[in-house]
Structure formats: structure tokens, C-alpha cells
């Protein structure tokens, strides 16, 4: 996995524990949208177990989303959720 970082010139767009991406975009009068790039079901192998903290063999839903701000890609989000608690 490779992360590409572009420093922000202005700190008006922030994500915290209270404000969602959509709420922050609306507060700043911007248009925020999101799209699912990939949805899959996986079982953790040793490498994925080390990366996620889930035990090896745990069945997961794996979701990759791209969040856009004013039509420009901004955040690539990867999430893993245990299938047995969904």
C-alpha cells in the first residue's frame, strides 16, 4: 500500500470524532460525495491479521471508498468489518 500526501494550505476541512465528512463539507459550503471502489469478503491471512489486529481466519467485509470534495478525489478510505457482528 502506498499513501500519497499533499499538504493542505488551509485547515478549514478537518475530520474529528464528532463531524462526518458530509457534515464538514456542508459546513464549508462544499459538495462532498463518496463512492465505493471495492466491496469484498475476505478471511484474514497472517499478513492481514497483523495489519488489522483481527485474528487469523476471521471473516471480514472489506470496503474501499473514495471521498470527493467538489468533484476532486480527497480521501481513500479502507475499512474492515467482522462479518459475525454485522
Protein backbone atom coordinates (compact mmCIF):
# COMPACT_ATOMS: atom_id res chain seq x y z
CA UNK A 1 0.00 0.00 0.00
CA UNK A 2 1.25 3.48 -0.80
CA UNK A 3 -0.10 6.70 0.69
CA UNK A 4 0.22 9.93 -1.28
CA UNK A 5 0.22 13.06 0.82
CA UNK A 6 -0.42 16.59 -0.37
CA UNK A 7 -0.13 19.24 2.37
CA UNK A 8 -3.19 21.39 2.87
CA UNK A 9 -2.84 25.15 2.54
CA UNK A 10 -5.85 25.78 4.72
CA UNK A 11 -7.10 23.83 7.72
CA UNK A 12 -10.84 24.51 7.30
CA UNK A 13 -11.52 20.89 6.34
CA UNK A 14 -10.96 18.63 9.31
CA UNK A 15 -12.36 15.30 10.40
CA UNK A 16 -12.81 14.73 14.08
CA UNK A 17 -14.68 12.39 16.31
CA UNK A 18 -17.88 14.45 16.07
CA UNK A 19 -18.12 15.76 12.48
CA UNK A 20 -18.54 13.45 9.49
CA UNK A 21 -17.09 14.03 6.04
CA UNK A 22 -20.52 15.11 4.72
CA UNK A 23 -21.10 17.47 7.66
CA UNK A 24 -17.69 19.09 7.27
CA UNK A 25 -18.21 19.58 3.53
CA UNK A 26 -21.65 21.13 4.09
CA UNK A 27 -20.31 23.43 6.84
CA UNK A 28 -17.69 24.73 4.40
CA UNK A 29 -20.26 25.10 1.58
CA UNK A 30 -18.54 22.39 -0.47
CA UNK A 31 -20.00 19.37 -2.19
CA UNK A 32 -18.84 16.11 -0.64
CA UNK A 33 -19.59 12.79 -2.29
CA UNK A 34 -18.34 9.24 -1.82
CA UNK A 35 -18.15 6.15 -3.97
CA UNK A 36 -17.47 2.51 -3.18
CA UNK A 37 -14.50 1.30 -5.21
CA UNK A 38 -14.43 -2.24 -3.87
CA UNK A 39 -16.51 -4.43 -1.60
CA UNK A 40 -15.30 -7.94 -0.87
CA UNK A 41 -15.48 -10.74 1.66
CA UNK A 42 -12.11 -11.98 2.91
CA UNK A 43 -10.60 -14.17 5.61
CA UNK A 44 -7.56 -12.76 7.37
CA UNK A 45 -4.26 -14.37 6.44
CA UNK A 46 -1.18 -13.83 8.65
CA UNK A 47 -0.23 -10.52 6.96
CA UNK A 48 -3.77 -9.11 7.11
CA UNK A 49 -4.18 -10.27 10.72
CA UNK A 50 -1.03 -8.36 11.67
CA UNK A 51 -2.18 -5.23 9.82
CA UNK A 52 -5.76 -5.19 11.13
CA UNK A 53 -5.43 -6.76 14.57
CA UNK A 54 -8.11 -9.37 13.77
CA UNK A 55 -7.25 -12.99 14.45
CA UNK A 56 -6.06 -15.10 11.53
CA UNK A 57 -9.02 -16.70 9.75
CA UNK A 58 -11.54 -14.02 10.82
CA UNK A 59 -14.16 -13.47 8.12
CA UNK A 60 -14.31 -9.77 7.16
CA UNK A 61 -16.14 -7.41 4.88
CA UNK A 62 -13.53 -5.25 3.19
CA UNK A 63 -14.66 -1.89 1.82
CA UNK A 64 -12.61 0.65 -0.13
CA UNK A 65 -14.21 4.08 -0.65
CA UNK A 66 -13.09 7.29 -2.30
CA UNK A 67 -14.38 10.57 -0.92
CA UNK A 68 -14.57 13.55 -3.27
CA UNK A 69 -14.69 17.23 -2.41
CA UNK A 70 -16.09 19.49 -5.14
CA UNK A 71 -15.53 16.68 -7.64
CA UNK A 72 -11.86 16.15 -6.75
CA UNK A 73 -10.68 12.97 -5.03
CA UNK A 74 -9.63 13.73 -1.45
CA UNK A 75 -9.64 10.69 0.84
CA UNK A 76 -9.10 7.00 0.09
CA UNK A 77 -10.71 5.06 2.92
CA UNK A 78 -10.21 1.34 3.60
CA UNK A 79 -12.30 -0.33 6.27
CA UNK A 80 -12.63 -3.90 7.51
CA UNK A 81 -15.63 -5.17 9.48
CA UNK A 82 -16.11 -8.55 11.08
CA UNK A 83 -18.89 -10.48 9.36
CA UNK A 84 -20.09 -12.11 12.58
CA UNK A 85 -21.14 -8.78 14.13
CA UNK A 86 -22.62 -7.13 11.03
